[in-house]
PDB file of N, CA and C in Angstrom:
ATOM      1  N   UNK A   1       0.812  -1.196   0.229  1.00  0.00           N
ATOM      2  CA  UNK A   1      -0.560   0.316  -0.249  1.00  0.00           C
ATOM      3  C   UNK A   1       0.756   1.224  -0.472  1.00  0.00           C
ATOM      4  N   UNK A   2       1.911   1.672   0.856  1.00  0.00           N
ATOM      5  CA  UNK A   2       2.486   2.479   0.333  1.00  0.00           C
ATOM      6  C   UNK A   2       3.236   3.122  -0.366  1.00  0.00           C
ATOM      7  N   UNK A   3       4.017   2.024  -1.583  1.00  0.00           N
ATOM      8  CA  UNK A   3       4.456   1.870  -3.048  1.00  0.00           C
ATOM      9  C   UNK A   3       2.815   3.131  -3.442  1.00  0.00           C
ATOM     10  N   UNK A   4       1.240   2.110  -3.834  1.00  0.00           N
ATOM     11  CA  UNK A   4       0.710   3.313  -3.837  1.00  0.00           C
ATOM     12  C   UNK A   4       0.326   4.300  -4.198  1.00  0.00           C
ATOM     13  N   UNK A   5       0.490   4.256  -2.762  1.00  0.00           N
ATOM     14  CA  UNK A   5       0.580   5.834  -1.815  1.00  0.00           C
ATOM     15  C   UNK A   5       1.170   7.068  -2.629  1.00  0.00           C
ATOM     16  N   UNK A   6       2.729   6.542  -2.384  1.00  0.00           N
ATOM     17  CA  UNK A   6       3.972   6.965  -3.429  1.00  0.00           C
ATOM     18  C   UNK A   6       3.345   7.350  -4.357  1.00  0.00           C
ATOM     19  N   UNK A   7       3.221   6.732  -5.472  1.00  0.00           N
ATOM     20  CA  UNK A   7       2.459   6.589  -6.716  1.00  0.00           C
ATOM     21  C   UNK A   7       2.171   8.010  -7.159  1.00  0.00           C
ATOM     22  N   UNK A   8       0.304   7.955  -5.933  1.00  0.00           N
ATOM     23  CA  UNK A   8      -0.713   8.667  -6.060  1.00  0.00           C
ATOM     24  C   UNK A   8      -0.050   9.774  -5.738  1.00  0.00           C
ATOM     25  N   UNK A   9       0.685  10.161  -5.709  1.00  0.00           N
ATOM     26  CA  UNK A   9       0.948  11.396  -5.193  1.00  0.00           C
ATOM     27  C   UNK A   9       1.848  11.901  -6.216  1.00  0.00           C
ATOM     28  N   UNK A  10       2.777  11.193  -6.962  1.00  0.00           N
ATOM     29  CA  UNK A  10       3.423  12.051  -8.468  1.00  0.00           C
ATOM     30  C   UNK A  10       2.476  12.227  -9.195  1.00  0.00           C
ATOM     31  N   UNK A  11       1.335  11.864  -8.920  1.00  0.00           N
ATOM     32  CA  UNK A  11       0.137  11.525 -10.525  1.00  0.00           C
ATOM     33  C   UNK A  11       0.005  13.383 -10.614  1.00  0.00           C
ATOM     34  N   UNK A  12      -0.340  13.604 -11.656  1.00  0.00           N
ATOM     35  CA  UNK A  12      -0.538  15.254 -11.766  1.00  0.00           C
ATOM     36  C   UNK A  12      -1.881  15.561 -11.321  1.00  0.00           C
ATOM     37  N   UNK A  13      -2.655  16.592 -10.682  1.00  0.00           N
ATOM     38  CA  UNK A  13      -3.997  16.682 -11.184  1.00  0.00           C
ATOM     39  C   UNK A  13      -4.432  16.572 -12.435  1.00  0.00           C
ATOM     40  N   UNK A  14      -6.405  16.711 -11.633  1.00  0.00           N
ATOM     41  CA  UNK A  14      -6.858  16.399 -12.497  1.00  0.00           C
ATOM     42  C   UNK A  14      -6.840  17.384 -13.776  1.00  0.00           C
ATOM     43  N   UNK A  15      -6.596  18.543 -12.456  1.00  0.00           N
ATOM     44  CA  UNK A  15      -6.847  19.655 -13.781  1.00  0.00           C
ATOM     45  C   UNK A  15      -5.769  19.831 -14.432  1.00  0.00           C
ATOM     46  N   UNK A  16      -4.771  18.792 -14.500  1.00  0.00           N
ATOM     47  CA  UNK A  16      -3.679  19.767 -14.992  1.00  0.00           C
ATOM     48  C   UNK A  16      -3.362  18.312 -16.016  1.00  0.00           C
ATOM     49  N   UNK A  17      -3.891  17.288 -16.159  1.00  0.00           N
ATOM     50  CA  UNK A  17      -4.306  16.430 -16.875  1.00  0.00           C
ATOM     51  C   UNK A  17      -5.640  16.598 -18.059  1.00  0.00           C
ATOM     52  N   UNK A  18      -6.320  17.557 -18.300  1.00  0.00           N
ATOM     53  CA  UNK A  18      -7.421  17.686 -18.539  1.00  0.00           C
ATOM     54  C   UNK A  18      -6.885  18.952 -19.040  1.00  0.00           C
ATOM     55  N   UNK A  19      -6.187  19.762 -19.037  1.00  0.00           N
ATOM     56  CA  UNK A  19      -5.495  21.059 -19.684  1.00  0.00           C
ATOM     57  C   UNK A  19      -3.943  20.513 -21.092  1.00  0.00           C
ATOM     58  N   UNK A  20      -3.616  19.508 -20.118  1.00  0.00           N
ATOM     59  CA  UNK A  20      -2.897  18.731 -21.333  1.00  0.00           C
ATOM     60  C   UNK A  20      -3.374  18.085 -22.465  1.00  0.00           C
ATOM     61  N   UNK A  21      -4.570  17.533 -21.855  1.00  0.00           N
ATOM     62  CA  UNK A  21      -5.609  16.065 -22.608  1.00  0.00           C
ATOM     63  C   UNK A  21      -6.422  17.524 -23.918  1.00  0.00           C
ATOM     64  N   UNK A  22      -6.046  18.549 -23.799  1.00  0.00           N
ATOM     65  CA  UNK A  22      -6.807  19.784 -24.267  1.00  0.00           C
ATOM     66  C   UNK A  22      -5.959  20.310 -24.819  1.00  0.00           C
ATOM     67  N   UNK A  23      -5.022  20.353 -24.593  1.00  0.00           N
ATOM     68  CA  UNK A  23      -3.760  21.040 -25.485  1.00  0.00           C
ATOM     69  C   UNK A  23      -2.593  20.217 -26.813  1.00  0.00           C
ATOM     70  N   UNK A  24      -3.393  18.411 -26.487  1.00  0.00           N
ATOM     71  CA  UNK A  24      -2.804  17.715 -27.080  1.00  0.00           C
ATOM     72  C   UNK A  24      -3.704  17.030 -28.186  1.00  0.00           C
ATOM     73  N   UNK A  25      -5.497  17.309 -27.664  1.00  0.00           N
ATOM     74  CA  UNK A  25      -6.022  17.089 -29.219  1.00  0.00           C
ATOM     75  C   UNK A  25      -6.411  18.815 -30.276  1.00  0.00           C
ATOM     76  N   UNK A  26      -5.417  20.009 -29.269  1.00  0.00           N
ATOM     77  CA  UNK A  26      -5.376  20.436 -30.280  1.00  0.00           C
ATOM     78  C   UNK A  26      -4.675  20.480 -31.100  1.00  0.00           C
ATOM     79  N   UNK A  27      -3.698  19.473 -31.038  1.00  0.00           N
ATOM     80  CA  UNK A  27      -2.912  20.248 -31.263  1.00  0.00           C
ATOM     81  C   UNK A  27      -2.761  18.724 -32.715  1.00  0.00           C
ATOM     82  N   UNK A  28      -3.335  18.182 -32.851  1.00  0.00           N
ATOM     83  CA  UNK A  28      -3.969  16.819 -33.146  1.00  0.00           C
ATOM     84  C   UNK A  28      -3.605  15.427 -32.539  1.00  0.00           C
ATOM     85  N   UNK A  29      -3.201  15.358 -31.620  1.00  0.00           N
ATOM     86  CA  UNK A  29      -2.808  13.989 -31.266  1.00  0.00           C
ATOM     87  C   UNK A  29      -3.975  13.153 -30.463  1.00  0.00           C
ATOM     88  N   UNK A  30      -4.065  12.367 -29.684  1.00  0.00           N
ATOM     89  CA  UNK A  30      -4.777  11.314 -29.498  1.00  0.00           C
ATOM     90  C   UNK A  30      -4.319  11.218 -28.094  1.00  0.00           C
ATOM     91  N   UNK A  31      -5.509  11.024 -26.878  1.00  0.00           N
ATOM     92  CA  UNK A  31      -5.836  10.870 -25.550  1.00  0.00           C
ATOM     93  C   UNK A  31      -6.232  10.067 -25.381  1.00  0.00           C
ATOM     94  N   UNK A  32      -5.404   8.851 -24.084  1.00  0.00           N
ATOM     95  CA  UNK A  32      -5.858   7.567 -23.299  1.00  0.00           C
ATOM     96  C   UNK A  32      -5.530   7.385 -22.089  1.00  0.00           C
ATOM     97  N   UNK A  33      -7.034   7.562 -21.197  1.00  0.00           N
ATOM     98  CA  UNK A  33      -6.267   7.155 -20.084  1.00  0.00           C
ATOM     99  C   UNK A  33      -6.982   5.879 -19.719  1.00  0.00           C
ATOM    100  N   UNK A  34      -6.187   5.277 -18.215  1.00  0.00           N
ATOM    101  CA  UNK A  34      -6.961   4.272 -17.897  1.00  0.00           C
ATOM    102  C   UNK A  34      -6.654   4.115 -16.619  1.00  0.00           C
ATOM    103  N   UNK A  35      -7.213   3.498 -15.876  1.00  0.00           N
ATOM    104  CA  UNK A  35      -8.078   3.849 -14.373  1.00  0.00           C
ATOM    105  C   UNK A  35      -8.142   1.952 -13.731  1.00  0.00           C
ATOM    106  N   UNK A  36      -7.639   1.432 -12.666  1.00  0.00           N
ATOM    107  CA  UNK A  36      -8.510   0.473 -12.043  1.00  0.00           C
ATOM    108  C   UNK A  36      -9.368   0.385 -11.228  1.00  0.00           C
ATOM    109  N   UNK A  37     -10.136  -0.408 -11.509  1.00  0.00           N
ATOM    110  CA  UNK A  37     -12.007  -0.027 -10.596  1.00  0.00           C
ATOM    111  C   UNK A  37     -12.017  -1.565  -9.979  1.00  0.00           C
ATOM    112  N   UNK A  38     -12.891  -1.386  -8.980  1.00  0.00           N
ATOM    113  CA  UNK A  38     -12.930  -2.823  -8.100  1.00  0.00           C
ATOM    114  C   UNK A  38     -12.561  -3.398  -8.929  1.00  0.00           C
ATOM    115  N   UNK A  39     -11.716  -4.710  -8.244  1.00  0.00           N
ATOM    116  CA  UNK A  39     -11.654  -5.770  -8.600  1.00  0.00           C
ATOM    117  C   UNK A  39     -10.636  -6.031  -9.090  1.00  0.00           C
ATOM    118  N   UNK A  40     -11.019  -6.177 -10.482  1.00  0.00           N
ATOM    119  CA  UNK A  40      -9.791  -6.605 -11.841  1.00  0.00           C
ATOM    120  C   UNK A  40      -9.978  -5.677 -13.207  1.00  0.00           C
ATOM    121  N   UNK A  41     -11.469  -5.081 -12.817  1.00  0.00           N
ATOM    122  CA  UNK A  41     -11.384  -4.180 -13.535  1.00  0.00           C
ATOM    123  C   UNK A  41     -10.603  -2.931 -14.125  1.00  0.00           C
ATOM    124  N   UNK A  42     -11.323  -2.709 -15.544  1.00  0.00           N
ATOM    125  CA  UNK A  42     -10.103  -1.960 -15.514  1.00  0.00           C
ATOM    126  C   UNK A  42     -10.542  -0.942 -16.595  1.00  0.00           C
ATOM    127  N   UNK A  43     -11.352   0.436 -16.678  1.00  0.00           N
ATOM    128  CA  UNK A  43     -11.118   1.905 -17.700  1.00  0.00           C
ATOM    129  C   UNK A  43     -10.613   2.145 -18.620  1.00  0.00           C
ATOM    130  N   UNK A  44     -10.939   1.862 -19.690  1.00  0.00           N
ATOM    131  CA  UNK A  44     -10.452   2.623 -20.219  1.00  0.00           C
ATOM    132  C   UNK A  44     -11.136   3.409 -21.284  1.00  0.00           C
ATOM    133  N   UNK A  45     -10.671   4.649 -21.807  1.00  0.00           N
ATOM    134  CA  UNK A  45     -11.075   5.840 -22.247  1.00  0.00           C
ATOM    135  C   UNK A  45      -9.791   6.213 -23.276  1.00  0.00           C
ATOM    136  N   UNK A  46     -10.353   6.208 -25.155  1.00  0.00           N
ATOM    137  CA  UNK A  46     -10.022   6.432 -25.933  1.00  0.00           C
ATOM    138  C   UNK A  46     -10.996   8.416 -26.658  1.00  0.00           C
ATOM    139  N   UNK A  47      -9.696   9.173 -26.799  1.00  0.00           N
ATOM    140  CA  UNK A  47     -10.446  10.742 -27.900  1.00  0.00           C
ATOM    141  C   UNK A  47      -9.481  10.923 -28.800  1.00  0.00           C
ATOM    142  N   UNK A  48      -9.777  10.613 -29.619  1.00  0.00           N
ATOM    143  CA  UNK A  48      -9.275  11.280 -31.486  1.00  0.00           C
ATOM    144  C   UNK A  48      -8.965  12.293 -31.554  1.00  0.00           C
ATOM    145  N   UNK A  49      -8.227  13.068 -32.147  1.00  0.00           N
ATOM    146  CA  UNK A  49      -8.546  14.318 -32.904  1.00  0.00           C
ATOM    147  C   UNK A  49      -8.895  13.854 -33.922  1.00  0.00           C
ATOM    148  N   UNK A  50      -9.931  15.006 -35.077  1.00  0.00           N
ATOM    149  CA  UNK A  50     -10.480  14.500 -36.506  1.00  0.00           C
ATOM    150  C   UNK A  50     -10.552  16.034 -36.708  1.00  0.00           C
ATOM    151  N   UNK A  51     -10.179  16.225 -38.447  1.00  0.00           N
ATOM    152  CA  UNK A  51      -8.579  15.655 -38.844  1.00  0.00           C
ATOM    153  C   UNK A  51      -7.534  15.123 -38.222  1.00  0.00           C
ATOM    154  N   UNK A  52      -6.954  13.729 -38.483  1.00  0.00           N
ATOM    155  CA  UNK A  52      -5.757  13.308 -38.029  1.00  0.00           C
ATOM    156  C   UNK A  52      -4.731  14.117 -38.415  1.00  0.00           C
ATOM    157  N   UNK A  53      -3.974  15.375 -38.027  1.00  0.00           N
ATOM    158  CA  UNK A  53      -2.792  15.788 -38.153  1.00  0.00           C
ATOM    159  C   UNK A  53      -1.634  15.322 -38.228  1.00  0.00           C
ATOM    160  N   UNK A  54      -1.622  14.178 -37.610  1.00  0.00           N
ATOM    161  CA  UNK A  54       0.019  13.245 -37.740  1.00  0.00           C
ATOM    162  C   UNK A  54      -1.070  12.457 -39.316  1.00  0.00           C
ATOM    163  N   UNK A  55      -1.401  12.369 -39.431  1.00  0.00           N
ATOM    164  CA  UNK A  55      -1.919  11.666 -40.421  1.00  0.00           C
ATOM    165  C   UNK A  55      -2.999  12.345 -41.722  1.00  0.00           C
ATOM    166  N   UNK A  56      -2.540  12.738 -42.237  1.00  0.00           N
ATOM    167  CA  UNK A  56      -3.842  13.478 -42.693  1.00  0.00           C
ATOM    168  C   UNK A  56      -4.129  12.528 -44.096  1.00  0.00           C
ATOM    169  N   UNK A  57      -3.664  11.769 -44.508  1.00  0.00           N
ATOM    170  CA  UNK A  57      -4.855  10.382 -45.668  1.00  0.00           C
ATOM    171  C   UNK A  57      -5.573   9.630 -44.991  1.00  0.00           C
ATOM    172  N   UNK A  58      -5.916   9.664 -43.011  1.00  0.00           N
ATOM    173  CA  UNK A  58      -6.590   8.543 -42.264  1.00  0.00           C
ATOM    174  C   UNK A  58      -8.369   9.502 -42.732  1.00  0.00           C
ATOM    175  N   UNK A  59      -9.082   8.115 -43.128  1.00  0.00           N
ATOM    176  CA  UNK A  59     -10.196   8.908 -42.645  1.00  0.00           C
ATOM    177  C   UNK A  59     -11.075   9.708 -41.423  1.00  0.00           C
ATOM    178  N   UNK A  60     -11.465  10.595 -42.052  1.00  0.00           N
ATOM    179  CA  UNK A  60     -12.117  10.889 -40.865  1.00  0.00           C
ATOM    180  C   UNK A  60     -13.926  10.327 -40.416  1.00  0.00           C
ATOM    181  N   UNK A  61     -14.477  10.086 -39.498  1.00  0.00           N
ATOM    182  CA  UNK A  61     -16.079   9.365 -39.112  1.00  0.00           C
ATOM    183  C   UNK A  61     -16.183  10.327 -39.431  1.00  0.00           C
ATOM    184  N   UNK A  62     -16.342  11.919 -38.851  1.00  0.00           N
ATOM    185  CA  UNK A  62     -17.373  12.460 -38.586  1.00  0.00           C
ATOM    186  C   UNK A  62     -17.887  13.862 -40.132  1.00  0.00           C
ATOM    187  N   UNK A  63     -17.947  12.837 -40.728  1.00  0.00           N
ATOM    188  CA  UNK A  63     -17.750  13.608 -42.331  1.00  0.00           C
ATOM    189  C   UNK A  63     -18.901  14.560 -42.309  1.00  0.00           C
TER     190      UNK A  63
END
């Protein structure tokens, strides 16, 4: 448990994570977040920028 608490203190605040995500999406990047829930369940969230500035030839599903 001590290790988990130490790692938790190193994690940026939610406000800082959201600000970085907004900057990354603004530049055309992707965001992927994940967190363990209770037991062995894991929540994974992803947001992709459209159009993809890193690969302009990639199709955008929002036409």
